[in-house]
Amino acid sequence: MSEKFSKEIARMRRIEGQARGIAKMMEDDRYCIDIINQMSAMEAALRSAKSKVLSIHAGHCIEDAVQSGNAADQREKFDELIDLFGKVGR
């Protein structure tokens, strides 16, 4: 298991459990507002995990490109980062 992602892997497993729980709530015909509240909680957890992975990317991949001195690699990582910020903000 990737050590740098170990906490986020555990978080994703909890989110996976939340998704199964929501599906079970739907199967049990639970109150719609309760289902929506659980979906909102799952979305928040996923946003948090996504933000952390972005932080890991910036802390490792971007830093490596900067330290390499390779201008093409730096430009590529910078462009990736800009694209990621656009996707994370959605």
N, C-alpha and C. Protein backbone atom coordinates (compact mmCIF):
# COMPACT_ATOMS: atom_id res chain seq x y z
N MET A 1 0.86 -1.18 0.00
CA MET A 1 0.00 0.00 0.00
C MET A 1 0.90 1.23 0.00
N SER A 2 0.50 2.21 -0.76
CA SER A 2 1.26 3.45 -0.83
C SER A 2 1.18 4.18 0.51
N GLU A 3 2.34 4.42 1.09
CA GLU A 3 2.38 5.07 2.41
C GLU A 3 1.85 6.50 2.34
N LYS A 4 2.17 7.21 1.25
CA LYS A 4 1.73 8.61 1.18
C LYS A 4 0.21 8.72 1.07
N PHE A 5 -0.45 7.66 0.62
CA PHE A 5 -1.91 7.70 0.49
C PHE A 5 -2.63 6.87 1.55
N SER A 6 -1.94 6.34 2.54
CA SER A 6 -2.55 5.38 3.48
C SER A 6 -3.78 5.96 4.18
N LYS A 7 -3.71 7.20 4.63
CA LYS A 7 -4.87 7.78 5.31
C LYS A 7 -6.03 8.00 4.34
N GLU A 8 -5.69 8.38 3.11
CA GLU A 8 -6.76 8.63 2.13
C GLU A 8 -7.37 7.32 1.65
N ILE A 9 -6.60 6.25 1.62
CA ILE A 9 -7.16 4.94 1.27
C ILE A 9 -8.16 4.53 2.35
N ALA A 10 -7.80 4.71 3.61
CA ALA A 10 -8.73 4.39 4.70
C ALA A 10 -9.98 5.26 4.60
N ARG A 11 -9.79 6.53 4.26
CA ARG A 11 -10.94 7.44 4.12
C ARG A 11 -11.84 6.97 2.97
N MET A 12 -11.24 6.53 1.87
CA MET A 12 -12.03 6.06 0.73
C MET A 12 -12.80 4.79 1.09
N ARG A 13 -12.23 3.95 1.92
CA ARG A 13 -12.95 2.75 2.36
C ARG A 13 -14.17 3.13 3.21
N ARG A 14 -14.02 4.17 4.04
CA ARG A 14 -15.16 4.64 4.82
C ARG A 14 -16.24 5.23 3.90
N ILE A 15 -15.81 5.96 2.88
CA ILE A 15 -16.75 6.54 1.92
C ILE A 15 -17.46 5.41 1.17
N GLU A 16 -16.73 4.38 0.83
CA GLU A 16 -17.32 3.20 0.19
C GLU A 16 -18.41 2.60 1.09
N GLY A 17 -18.13 2.52 2.37
CA GLY A 17 -19.12 2.02 3.33
C GLY A 17 -20.33 2.93 3.40
N GLN A 18 -20.08 4.24 3.33
CA GLN A 18 -21.20 5.19 3.32
C GLN A 18 -22.08 4.96 2.10
N ALA A 19 -21.46 4.72 0.94
CA ALA A 19 -22.23 4.50 -0.29
C ALA A 19 -23.08 3.24 -0.16
N ARG A 20 -22.50 2.20 0.40
CA ARG A 20 -23.30 0.97 0.60
C ARG A 20 -24.45 1.23 1.58
N GLY A 21 -24.18 2.01 2.62
CA GLY A 21 -25.22 2.34 3.59
C GLY A 21 -26.36 3.13 2.95
N ILE A 22 -26.01 4.05 2.06
CA ILE A 22 -27.03 4.84 1.37
C ILE A 22 -27.86 3.95 0.46
N ALA A 23 -27.20 3.04 -0.26
CA ALA A 23 -27.95 2.11 -1.12
C ALA A 23 -28.91 1.27 -0.29
N LYS A 24 -28.45 0.84 0.88
CA LYS A 24 -29.32 0.04 1.78
C LYS A 24 -30.50 0.88 2.25
N MET A 25 -30.25 2.16 2.58
CA MET A 25 -31.35 3.04 2.98
C MET A 25 -32.39 3.13 1.87
N MET A 26 -31.92 3.22 0.63
CA MET A 26 -32.84 3.32 -0.51
C MET A 26 -33.63 2.02 -0.67
N GLU A 27 -32.92 0.89 -0.52
CA GLU A 27 -33.60 -0.41 -0.62
C GLU A 27 -34.66 -0.55 0.46
N ASP A 28 -34.38 0.00 1.64
CA ASP A 28 -35.32 -0.08 2.76
C ASP A 28 -36.39 1.00 2.71
N ASP A 29 -36.37 1.80 1.63
CA ASP A 29 -37.36 2.86 1.43
C ASP A 29 -37.38 3.84 2.60
N ARG A 30 -36.17 4.23 3.03
CA ARG A 30 -36.05 5.18 4.13
C ARG A 30 -36.47 6.57 3.67
N TYR A 31 -36.68 7.45 4.61
CA TYR A 31 -37.13 8.82 4.36
C TYR A 31 -36.12 9.54 3.46
N CYS A 32 -36.61 10.16 2.41
CA CYS A 32 -35.75 10.79 1.39
C CYS A 32 -34.79 11.82 1.99
N ILE A 33 -35.26 12.60 2.93
CA ILE A 33 -34.39 13.62 3.54
C ILE A 33 -33.22 12.96 4.26
N ASP A 34 -33.45 11.84 4.92
CA ASP A 34 -32.36 11.12 5.58
C ASP A 34 -31.34 10.62 4.55
N ILE A 35 -31.83 10.13 3.43
CA ILE A 35 -30.94 9.66 2.35
C ILE A 35 -30.12 10.83 1.81
N ILE A 36 -30.76 11.95 1.55
CA ILE A 36 -30.07 13.12 1.02
C ILE A 36 -29.03 13.63 2.01
N ASN A 37 -29.37 13.62 3.29
CA ASN A 37 -28.40 14.05 4.32
C ASN A 37 -27.16 13.15 4.31
N GLN A 38 -27.37 11.85 4.16
CA GLN A 38 -26.24 10.93 4.10
C GLN A 38 -25.42 11.14 2.82
N MET A 39 -26.10 11.43 1.73
CA MET A 39 -25.39 11.73 0.47
C MET A 39 -24.54 12.99 0.63
N SER A 40 -25.08 13.99 1.30
CA SER A 40 -24.33 15.23 1.53
C SER A 40 -23.10 14.97 2.38
N ALA A 41 -23.23 14.13 3.38
CA ALA A 41 -22.09 13.78 4.23
C ALA A 41 -21.03 13.03 3.41
N MET A 42 -21.47 12.14 2.54
CA MET A 42 -20.54 11.39 1.71
C MET A 42 -19.82 12.33 0.73
N GLU A 43 -20.55 13.27 0.16
CA GLU A 43 -19.94 14.24 -0.76
C GLU A 43 -18.88 15.08 -0.04
N ALA A 44 -19.18 15.49 1.18
CA ALA A 44 -18.23 16.28 1.96
C ALA A 44 -16.96 15.46 2.23
N ALA A 45 -17.13 14.20 2.57
CA ALA A 45 -15.97 13.33 2.83
C ALA A 45 -15.14 13.15 1.56
N LEU A 46 -15.80 13.01 0.43
CA LEU A 46 -15.10 12.84 -0.83
C LEU A 46 -14.35 14.12 -1.23
N ARG A 47 -14.99 15.27 -1.00
CA ARG A 47 -14.32 16.55 -1.28
C ARG A 47 -13.06 16.69 -0.42
N SER A 48 -13.16 16.30 0.83
CA SER A 48 -12.03 16.38 1.74
C SER A 48 -10.89 15.47 1.27
N ALA A 49 -11.23 14.26 0.86
CA ALA A 49 -10.21 13.33 0.37
C ALA A 49 -9.58 13.86 -0.91
N LYS A 50 -10.39 14.42 -1.78
CA LYS A 50 -9.87 14.97 -3.03
C LYS A 50 -8.91 16.12 -2.75
N SER A 51 -9.26 16.96 -1.80
CA SER A 51 -8.40 18.07 -1.43
C SER A 51 -7.07 17.59 -0.87
N LYS A 52 -7.11 16.54 -0.07
CA LYS A 52 -5.88 15.99 0.51
C LYS A 52 -4.99 15.40 -0.57
N VAL A 53 -5.57 14.68 -1.52
CA VAL A 53 -4.78 14.10 -2.61
C VAL A 53 -4.14 15.22 -3.44
N LEU A 54 -4.88 16.30 -3.66
CA LEU A 54 -4.32 17.45 -4.36
C LEU A 54 -3.13 18.02 -3.59
N SER A 55 -3.26 18.10 -2.29
CA SER A 55 -2.18 18.59 -1.44
C SER A 55 -0.96 17.67 -1.53
N ILE A 56 -1.20 16.38 -1.53
CA ILE A 56 -0.11 15.41 -1.66
C ILE A 56 0.59 15.60 -3.01
N HIS A 57 -0.21 15.79 -4.06
CA HIS A 57 0.35 16.02 -5.39
C HIS A 57 1.24 17.26 -5.39
N ALA A 58 0.74 18.32 -4.83
CA ALA A 58 1.52 19.56 -4.79
C ALA A 58 2.80 19.38 -3.96
N GLY A 59 2.69 18.64 -2.88
CA GLY A 59 3.82 18.45 -1.98
C GLY A 59 4.88 17.51 -2.52
N HIS A 60 4.51 16.58 -3.40
CA HIS A 60 5.47 15.61 -3.91
C HIS A 60 5.80 15.86 -5.38
N CYS A 61 4.82 15.74 -6.22
CA CYS A 61 5.05 15.80 -7.67
C CYS A 61 5.53 17.18 -8.12
N ILE A 62 4.86 18.21 -7.64
CA ILE A 62 5.23 19.57 -8.03
C ILE A 62 6.62 19.90 -7.47
N GLU A 63 6.83 19.56 -6.22
CA GLU A 63 8.12 19.84 -5.59
C GLU A 63 9.25 19.14 -6.35
N ASP A 64 9.04 17.89 -6.75
CA ASP A 64 10.06 17.16 -7.50
C ASP A 64 10.38 17.86 -8.83
N ALA A 65 9.34 18.35 -9.51
CA ALA A 65 9.56 19.04 -10.79
C ALA A 65 10.34 20.33 -10.59
N VAL A 66 10.02 21.06 -9.54
CA VAL A 66 10.73 22.31 -9.27
C VAL A 66 12.20 22.02 -8.96
N GLN A 67 12.44 21.02 -8.14
CA GLN A 67 13.81 20.69 -7.75
C GLN A 67 14.63 20.11 -8.89
N SER A 68 13.95 19.52 -9.88
CA SER A 68 14.66 18.91 -11.00
C SER A 68 15.36 19.94 -11.89
N GLY A 69 14.81 21.16 -11.93
CA GLY A 69 15.36 22.18 -12.81
C GLY A 69 14.96 22.00 -14.26
N ASN A 70 14.16 20.99 -14.56
CA ASN A 70 13.71 20.71 -15.92
C ASN A 70 12.52 21.61 -16.24
N ALA A 71 12.72 22.59 -17.11
CA ALA A 71 11.67 23.58 -17.40
C ALA A 71 10.44 22.94 -18.04
N ALA A 72 10.63 21.95 -18.91
CA ALA A 72 9.48 21.29 -19.56
C ALA A 72 8.66 20.52 -18.53
N ASP A 73 9.34 19.82 -17.63
CA ASP A 73 8.64 19.08 -16.58
C ASP A 73 7.91 20.05 -15.64
N GLN A 74 8.55 21.15 -15.32
CA GLN A 74 7.92 22.16 -14.45
C GLN A 74 6.66 22.71 -15.11
N ARG A 75 6.73 23.02 -16.40
CA ARG A 75 5.57 23.55 -17.13
C ARG A 75 4.44 22.52 -17.15
N GLU A 76 4.80 21.26 -17.40
CA GLU A 76 3.79 20.20 -17.44
C GLU A 76 3.09 20.07 -16.08
N LYS A 77 3.85 20.06 -15.01
CA LYS A 77 3.26 19.93 -13.67
C LYS A 77 2.44 21.16 -13.31
N PHE A 78 2.90 22.33 -13.72
CA PHE A 78 2.14 23.56 -13.48
C PHE A 78 0.80 23.50 -14.21
N ASP A 79 0.82 23.08 -15.48
CA ASP A 79 -0.43 22.96 -16.25
C ASP A 79 -1.37 21.94 -15.62
N GLU A 80 -0.81 20.82 -15.16
CA GLU A 80 -1.63 19.82 -14.46
C GLU A 80 -2.30 20.42 -13.23
N LEU A 81 -1.51 21.18 -12.48
CA LEU A 81 -2.02 21.79 -11.25
C LEU A 81 -3.16 22.76 -11.55
N ILE A 82 -3.00 23.57 -12.58
CA ILE A 82 -4.06 24.50 -12.97
C ILE A 82 -5.33 23.73 -13.35
N ASP A 83 -5.18 22.67 -14.14
CA ASP A 83 -6.34 21.83 -14.51
C ASP A 83 -6.99 21.23 -13.29
N LEU A 84 -6.18 20.75 -12.34
CA LEU A 84 -6.72 20.16 -11.12
C LEU A 84 -7.51 21.15 -10.30
N PHE A 85 -6.99 22.37 -10.18
CA PHE A 85 -7.73 23.39 -9.42
C PHE A 85 -9.10 23.63 -10.04
N GLY A 86 -9.17 23.62 -11.36
CA GLY A 86 -10.46 23.79 -12.02
C GLY A 86 -11.40 22.64 -11.73
N LYS A 87 -10.87 21.42 -11.70
CA LYS A 87 -11.72 20.25 -11.44
C LYS A 87 -12.13 20.16 -9.98
N VAL A 88 -11.22 20.47 -9.08
CA VAL A 88 -11.53 20.39 -7.64
C VAL A 88 -12.59 21.41 -7.26
N GLY A 89 -12.58 22.56 -7.93
CA GLY A 89 -13.55 23.61 -7.62
C GLY A 89 -14.97 23.30 -8.05
N ARG A 90 -15.14 22.25 -8.83
CA ARG A 90 -16.49 21.90 -9.33
C ARG A 90 -17.29 21.16 -8.30
